[in-house]
């Protein structure tokens, strides 16, 4: 679930994507968090496991502080994962799901999709 209004993101997919990205870069959790300077290593571990929420600002800081990370690609990969889930018939029009879709439309600069979501 991505909770835009509160500025927090909590989702196993976000944590899984962070973990995949971190491992691709060959970083430990300590290195990913700059030894806990961005977010404590314990909290980060919980984010990777979908247990703890992460603030949008913190997420963006994690993504932009390391060379080799493209923020747009991170969100596009998340969107791709969600799209696969939707194609399997798991349609969820809960406020949280609509909020997630809105974030993805925002990062794609897709105004027409944002308008469709507003109607739902």
N, C-alpha and C. Protein backbone atom coordinates (compact mmCIF):
# COMPACT_ATOMS: atom_id res chain seq x y z
N UNK A 1 0.84 -1.17 0.00
CA UNK A 1 0.00 0.00 0.00
C UNK A 1 0.89 1.23 0.00
N UNK A 2 0.59 2.19 -0.79
CA UNK A 2 1.28 3.46 -0.78
C UNK A 2 0.30 4.47 -0.24
N UNK A 3 0.67 5.11 0.85
CA UNK A 3 -0.21 6.10 1.47
C UNK A 3 0.37 7.46 1.14
N UNK A 4 -0.17 8.08 0.10
CA UNK A 4 0.39 9.33 -0.37
C UNK A 4 0.17 10.45 0.61
N UNK A 5 -1.02 10.55 1.15
CA UNK A 5 -1.35 11.66 2.03
C UNK A 5 -0.45 11.75 3.26
N UNK A 6 -0.06 10.62 3.79
CA UNK A 6 0.77 10.62 4.97
C UNK A 6 2.25 10.58 4.64
N UNK A 7 2.57 10.50 3.36
CA UNK A 7 3.96 10.50 2.95
C UNK A 7 4.70 9.23 3.31
N UNK A 8 3.98 8.15 3.49
CA UNK A 8 4.61 6.88 3.85
C UNK A 8 4.28 5.84 2.79
N UNK A 9 5.20 4.90 2.61
CA UNK A 9 4.97 3.80 1.69
C UNK A 9 5.22 2.50 2.43
N UNK A 10 4.29 1.59 2.33
CA UNK A 10 4.46 0.29 2.96
C UNK A 10 3.93 -0.76 1.99
N UNK A 11 4.81 -1.58 1.53
CA UNK A 11 4.41 -2.61 0.60
C UNK A 11 5.54 -3.60 0.45
N UNK A 12 5.19 -4.88 0.43
CA UNK A 12 6.23 -5.89 0.26
C UNK A 12 6.92 -5.71 -1.08
N UNK A 13 6.22 -5.24 -2.09
CA UNK A 13 6.82 -5.04 -3.40
C UNK A 13 7.88 -3.94 -3.36
N UNK A 14 7.61 -2.87 -2.61
CA UNK A 14 8.59 -1.79 -2.49
C UNK A 14 9.84 -2.33 -1.79
N UNK A 15 9.64 -3.04 -0.71
CA UNK A 15 10.77 -3.63 0.01
C UNK A 15 11.52 -4.64 -0.85
N UNK A 16 10.77 -5.46 -1.57
CA UNK A 16 11.39 -6.46 -2.44
C UNK A 16 12.19 -5.78 -3.55
N UNK A 17 11.64 -4.71 -4.09
CA UNK A 17 12.34 -3.98 -5.15
C UNK A 17 13.60 -3.32 -4.60
N UNK A 18 13.52 -2.76 -3.38
CA UNK A 18 14.71 -2.18 -2.75
C UNK A 18 15.78 -3.24 -2.52
N UNK A 19 15.35 -4.39 -2.05
CA UNK A 19 16.30 -5.48 -1.78
C UNK A 19 16.97 -5.94 -3.07
N UNK A 20 16.17 -6.12 -4.12
CA UNK A 20 16.71 -6.54 -5.42
C UNK A 20 17.71 -5.51 -5.93
N UNK A 21 17.35 -4.25 -5.82
CA UNK A 21 18.23 -3.16 -6.26
C UNK A 21 19.53 -3.15 -5.46
N UNK A 22 19.40 -3.27 -4.15
CA UNK A 22 20.57 -3.26 -3.27
C UNK A 22 21.52 -4.40 -3.62
N UNK A 23 20.97 -5.58 -3.82
CA UNK A 23 21.80 -6.74 -4.15
C UNK A 23 22.43 -6.60 -5.53
N UNK A 24 21.69 -6.02 -6.48
CA UNK A 24 22.24 -5.78 -7.81
C UNK A 24 23.45 -4.85 -7.73
N UNK A 25 23.36 -3.86 -6.85
CA UNK A 25 24.47 -2.93 -6.67
C UNK A 25 25.60 -3.52 -5.82
N UNK A 26 25.34 -4.68 -5.23
CA UNK A 26 26.36 -5.32 -4.39
C UNK A 26 26.55 -4.63 -3.06
N UNK A 27 25.48 -4.03 -2.54
CA UNK A 27 25.56 -3.29 -1.28
C UNK A 27 24.98 -4.11 -0.13
N UNK A 28 25.53 -3.90 1.05
CA UNK A 28 24.93 -4.44 2.26
C UNK A 28 23.84 -3.46 2.70
N UNK A 29 23.03 -3.87 3.67
CA UNK A 29 22.02 -2.95 4.20
C UNK A 29 22.70 -1.75 4.84
N UNK A 30 23.82 -1.97 5.47
CA UNK A 30 24.57 -0.86 6.09
C UNK A 30 25.02 0.13 5.03
N UNK A 31 25.53 -0.37 3.92
CA UNK A 31 25.99 0.51 2.84
C UNK A 31 24.83 1.23 2.19
N UNK A 32 23.72 0.53 2.03
CA UNK A 32 22.54 1.13 1.40
C UNK A 32 22.03 2.31 2.22
N UNK A 33 22.11 2.20 3.54
CA UNK A 33 21.59 3.24 4.43
C UNK A 33 22.66 4.23 4.89
N UNK A 34 23.86 4.12 4.30
CA UNK A 34 25.01 4.93 4.72
C UNK A 34 25.26 4.76 6.22
N UNK A 35 25.35 3.50 6.63
CA UNK A 35 25.57 3.14 8.03
C UNK A 35 24.51 3.73 8.96
N UNK A 36 23.28 3.72 8.49
CA UNK A 36 22.16 4.17 9.31
C UNK A 36 21.95 5.68 9.32
N UNK A 37 22.65 6.41 8.47
CA UNK A 37 22.49 7.87 8.44
C UNK A 37 21.19 8.30 7.76
N UNK A 38 20.71 7.51 6.81
CA UNK A 38 19.47 7.85 6.11
C UNK A 38 18.28 7.27 6.86
N UNK A 39 18.38 6.02 7.23
CA UNK A 39 17.36 5.28 7.97
C UNK A 39 18.13 4.22 8.75
N UNK A 40 17.69 3.89 9.93
CA UNK A 40 18.44 2.89 10.70
C UNK A 40 18.44 1.57 9.94
N UNK A 41 19.49 0.82 10.11
CA UNK A 41 19.63 -0.45 9.42
C UNK A 41 18.49 -1.39 9.81
N UNK A 42 18.10 -1.37 11.07
CA UNK A 42 17.00 -2.21 11.53
C UNK A 42 15.68 -1.85 10.85
N UNK A 43 15.41 -0.54 10.75
CA UNK A 43 14.18 -0.10 10.09
C UNK A 43 14.23 -0.45 8.61
N UNK A 44 15.41 -0.25 8.00
CA UNK A 44 15.54 -0.56 6.58
C UNK A 44 15.28 -2.04 6.32
N UNK A 45 15.81 -2.89 7.20
CA UNK A 45 15.59 -4.33 7.07
C UNK A 45 14.09 -4.65 7.11
N UNK A 46 13.39 -3.96 8.00
CA UNK A 46 11.94 -4.17 8.10
C UNK A 46 11.22 -3.67 6.85
N UNK A 47 11.73 -2.61 6.23
CA UNK A 47 11.14 -2.12 4.98
C UNK A 47 11.33 -3.17 3.90
N UNK A 48 12.53 -3.72 3.79
CA UNK A 48 12.79 -4.74 2.79
C UNK A 48 11.87 -5.95 2.97
N UNK A 49 11.50 -6.23 4.19
CA UNK A 49 10.63 -7.37 4.48
C UNK A 49 9.15 -7.02 4.51
N UNK A 50 8.80 -5.78 4.16
CA UNK A 50 7.41 -5.37 4.10
C UNK A 50 6.75 -5.18 5.45
N UNK A 51 7.56 -5.02 6.49
CA UNK A 51 7.03 -4.90 7.86
C UNK A 51 6.91 -3.43 8.27
N UNK A 52 7.80 -2.60 7.80
CA UNK A 52 7.89 -1.21 8.24
C UNK A 52 7.59 -0.27 7.07
N UNK A 53 6.96 0.84 7.37
CA UNK A 53 6.71 1.87 6.35
C UNK A 53 7.97 2.68 6.12
N UNK A 54 8.04 3.27 4.94
CA UNK A 54 9.16 4.16 4.63
C UNK A 54 8.58 5.47 4.12
N UNK A 55 9.10 6.56 4.62
CA UNK A 55 8.66 7.87 4.14
C UNK A 55 9.12 8.09 2.72
N UNK A 56 8.34 8.81 1.97
CA UNK A 56 8.67 9.09 0.57
C UNK A 56 10.01 9.80 0.48
N UNK A 57 10.24 10.78 1.35
CA UNK A 57 11.52 11.50 1.33
C UNK A 57 12.69 10.57 1.60
N UNK A 58 12.51 9.65 2.54
CA UNK A 58 13.57 8.70 2.87
C UNK A 58 13.82 7.77 1.69
N UNK A 59 12.75 7.28 1.08
CA UNK A 59 12.89 6.41 -0.08
C UNK A 59 13.65 7.12 -1.19
N UNK A 60 13.24 8.34 -1.47
CA UNK A 60 13.92 9.09 -2.54
C UNK A 60 15.38 9.36 -2.20
N UNK A 61 15.67 9.62 -0.93
CA UNK A 61 17.06 9.83 -0.53
C UNK A 61 17.87 8.55 -0.74
N UNK A 62 17.31 7.41 -0.36
CA UNK A 62 18.00 6.14 -0.58
C UNK A 62 18.27 5.91 -2.06
N UNK A 63 17.30 6.25 -2.88
CA UNK A 63 17.43 5.99 -4.32
C UNK A 63 18.38 6.96 -5.01
N UNK A 64 18.49 8.18 -4.50
CA UNK A 64 19.31 9.18 -5.19
C UNK A 64 20.73 9.29 -4.65
N UNK A 65 21.00 8.74 -3.48
CA UNK A 65 22.31 8.88 -2.86
C UNK A 65 23.36 7.97 -3.50
N UNK A 66 22.92 6.90 -4.14
CA UNK A 66 23.85 5.93 -4.73
C UNK A 66 23.93 6.08 -6.23
N UNK A 67 25.14 6.00 -6.76
CA UNK A 67 25.32 6.00 -8.21
C UNK A 67 24.72 4.72 -8.78
N UNK A 68 24.19 4.80 -9.96
CA UNK A 68 23.67 3.60 -10.62
C UNK A 68 22.21 3.33 -10.35
N UNK A 69 21.54 4.18 -9.59
CA UNK A 69 20.11 3.99 -9.34
C UNK A 69 19.34 5.05 -10.10
N UNK A 70 18.38 4.60 -10.89
CA UNK A 70 17.50 5.49 -11.62
C UNK A 70 16.13 5.45 -10.94
N UNK A 71 15.74 6.56 -10.34
CA UNK A 71 14.48 6.62 -9.59
C UNK A 71 13.30 6.26 -10.47
N UNK A 72 13.29 6.79 -11.67
CA UNK A 72 12.18 6.52 -12.58
C UNK A 72 12.09 5.02 -12.87
N UNK A 73 13.23 4.37 -13.11
CA UNK A 73 13.23 2.93 -13.37
C UNK A 73 12.72 2.15 -12.16
N UNK A 74 13.07 2.61 -10.96
CA UNK A 74 12.60 1.95 -9.74
C UNK A 74 11.08 1.91 -9.72
N UNK A 75 10.46 3.06 -9.98
CA UNK A 75 8.99 3.12 -9.96
C UNK A 75 8.37 2.40 -11.14
N UNK A 76 9.03 2.43 -12.29
CA UNK A 76 8.51 1.69 -13.44
C UNK A 76 8.54 0.19 -13.18
N UNK A 77 9.60 -0.30 -12.51
CA UNK A 77 9.65 -1.71 -12.15
C UNK A 77 8.53 -2.08 -11.19
N UNK A 78 8.25 -1.19 -10.23
CA UNK A 78 7.13 -1.43 -9.32
C UNK A 78 5.82 -1.49 -10.08
N UNK A 79 5.66 -0.56 -11.00
CA UNK A 79 4.43 -0.53 -11.78
C UNK A 79 4.27 -1.81 -12.60
N UNK A 80 5.36 -2.29 -13.15
CA UNK A 80 5.31 -3.52 -13.93
C UNK A 80 4.86 -4.69 -13.05
N UNK A 81 5.37 -4.76 -11.83
CA UNK A 81 4.96 -5.81 -10.90
C UNK A 81 3.46 -5.72 -10.60
N UNK A 82 2.97 -4.50 -10.37
CA UNK A 82 1.55 -4.31 -10.09
C UNK A 82 0.70 -4.66 -11.30
N UNK A 83 1.19 -4.31 -12.48
CA UNK A 83 0.45 -4.62 -13.71
C UNK A 83 0.29 -6.12 -13.88
N UNK A 84 1.35 -6.87 -13.59
CA UNK A 84 1.28 -8.33 -13.68
C UNK A 84 0.23 -8.87 -12.72
N UNK A 85 0.18 -8.31 -11.52
CA UNK A 85 -0.81 -8.72 -10.53
C UNK A 85 -2.21 -8.44 -11.05
N UNK A 86 -2.40 -7.27 -11.65
CA UNK A 86 -3.72 -6.88 -12.16
C UNK A 86 -4.15 -7.81 -13.30
N UNK A 87 -3.21 -8.23 -14.15
CA UNK A 87 -3.55 -9.09 -15.27
C UNK A 87 -3.98 -10.47 -14.81
N UNK A 88 -3.58 -10.83 -13.61
CA UNK A 88 -3.99 -12.12 -13.06
C UNK A 88 -5.40 -12.06 -12.48
N UNK A 89 -6.05 -10.93 -12.63
CA UNK A 89 -7.43 -10.80 -12.17
C UNK A 89 -7.56 -10.29 -10.75
N UNK A 90 -6.49 -9.83 -10.17
CA UNK A 90 -6.54 -9.32 -8.80
C UNK A 90 -6.83 -7.82 -8.81
N UNK A 91 -7.99 -7.44 -9.31
CA UNK A 91 -8.34 -6.02 -9.36
C UNK A 91 -8.72 -5.54 -7.98
N UNK A 92 -8.11 -4.47 -7.58
CA UNK A 92 -8.36 -3.93 -6.25
C UNK A 92 -8.53 -2.42 -6.41
N UNK A 93 -9.72 -1.96 -6.20
CA UNK A 93 -9.97 -0.53 -6.33
C UNK A 93 -10.10 0.13 -4.96
N UNK A 94 -9.36 -0.38 -4.00
CA UNK A 94 -9.33 0.23 -2.68
C UNK A 94 -8.65 1.59 -2.78
N UNK A 95 -8.86 2.46 -1.81
CA UNK A 95 -8.19 3.77 -1.84
C UNK A 95 -6.66 3.62 -1.92
N UNK A 96 -6.12 2.61 -1.24
CA UNK A 96 -4.67 2.42 -1.29
C UNK A 96 -4.20 2.05 -2.68
N UNK A 97 -4.94 1.16 -3.34
CA UNK A 97 -4.56 0.72 -4.70
C UNK A 97 -4.69 1.88 -5.68
N UNK A 98 -5.77 2.64 -5.57
CA UNK A 98 -5.94 3.80 -6.45
C UNK A 98 -4.83 4.83 -6.20
N UNK A 99 -4.43 4.98 -4.95
CA UNK A 99 -3.34 5.89 -4.61
C UNK A 99 -2.04 5.44 -5.27
N UNK A 100 -1.78 4.14 -5.25
CA UNK A 100 -0.58 3.60 -5.90
C UNK A 100 -0.59 3.92 -7.38
N UNK A 101 -1.74 3.66 -8.01
CA UNK A 101 -1.86 3.92 -9.44
C UNK A 101 -1.64 5.39 -9.75
N UNK A 102 -2.14 6.25 -8.88
CA UNK A 102 -1.97 7.68 -9.07
C UNK A 102 -0.50 8.09 -9.01
N UNK A 103 0.24 7.50 -8.07
CA UNK A 103 1.68 7.79 -7.97
C UNK A 103 2.38 7.38 -9.27
N UNK A 104 2.03 6.20 -9.78
CA UNK A 104 2.66 5.74 -11.01
C UNK A 104 2.31 6.65 -12.18
N UNK A 105 1.06 7.08 -12.26
CA UNK A 105 0.65 8.00 -13.32
C UNK A 105 1.43 9.31 -13.20
N UNK A 106 1.64 9.76 -11.98
CA UNK A 106 2.40 10.99 -11.73
C UNK A 106 3.82 10.85 -12.27
N UNK A 107 4.49 9.76 -11.97
CA UNK A 107 5.87 9.59 -12.42
C UNK A 107 5.97 9.40 -13.92
N UNK A 108 4.88 8.98 -14.56
CA UNK A 108 4.86 8.87 -16.02
C UNK A 108 4.37 10.14 -16.68
N UNK A 109 3.96 11.13 -15.88
CA UNK A 109 3.36 12.36 -16.39
C UNK A 109 2.14 12.04 -17.26
N UNK A 110 1.33 11.09 -16.81
CA UNK A 110 0.17 10.62 -17.56
C UNK A 110 -1.10 11.25 -16.98
N UNK A 111 -1.43 12.44 -17.49
CA UNK A 111 -2.57 13.20 -16.99
C UNK A 111 -3.89 12.49 -17.27
N UNK A 112 -4.01 11.85 -18.43
CA UNK A 112 -5.27 11.18 -18.76
C UNK A 112 -5.54 10.01 -17.79
N UNK A 113 -4.49 9.26 -17.43
CA UNK A 113 -4.65 8.18 -16.46
C UNK A 113 -5.03 8.74 -15.09
N UNK A 114 -4.41 9.84 -14.70
CA UNK A 114 -4.73 10.48 -13.42
C UNK A 114 -6.20 10.91 -13.37
N UNK A 115 -6.70 11.42 -14.49
CA UNK A 115 -8.11 11.84 -14.54
C UNK A 115 -9.04 10.64 -14.42
N UNK A 116 -8.68 9.52 -15.05
CA UNK A 116 -9.50 8.30 -14.96
C UNK A 116 -9.53 7.81 -13.51
N UNK A 117 -8.39 7.86 -12.86
CA UNK A 117 -8.31 7.41 -11.47
C UNK A 117 -9.14 8.31 -10.56
N UNK A 118 -9.16 9.59 -10.87
CA UNK A 118 -9.94 10.52 -10.06
C UNK A 118 -11.42 10.16 -10.11
N UNK A 119 -11.90 9.74 -11.27
CA UNK A 119 -13.30 9.35 -11.41
C UNK A 119 -13.64 8.12 -10.57
N UNK A 120 -12.69 7.20 -10.46
CA UNK A 120 -12.93 5.98 -9.68
C UNK A 120 -12.96 6.31 -8.22
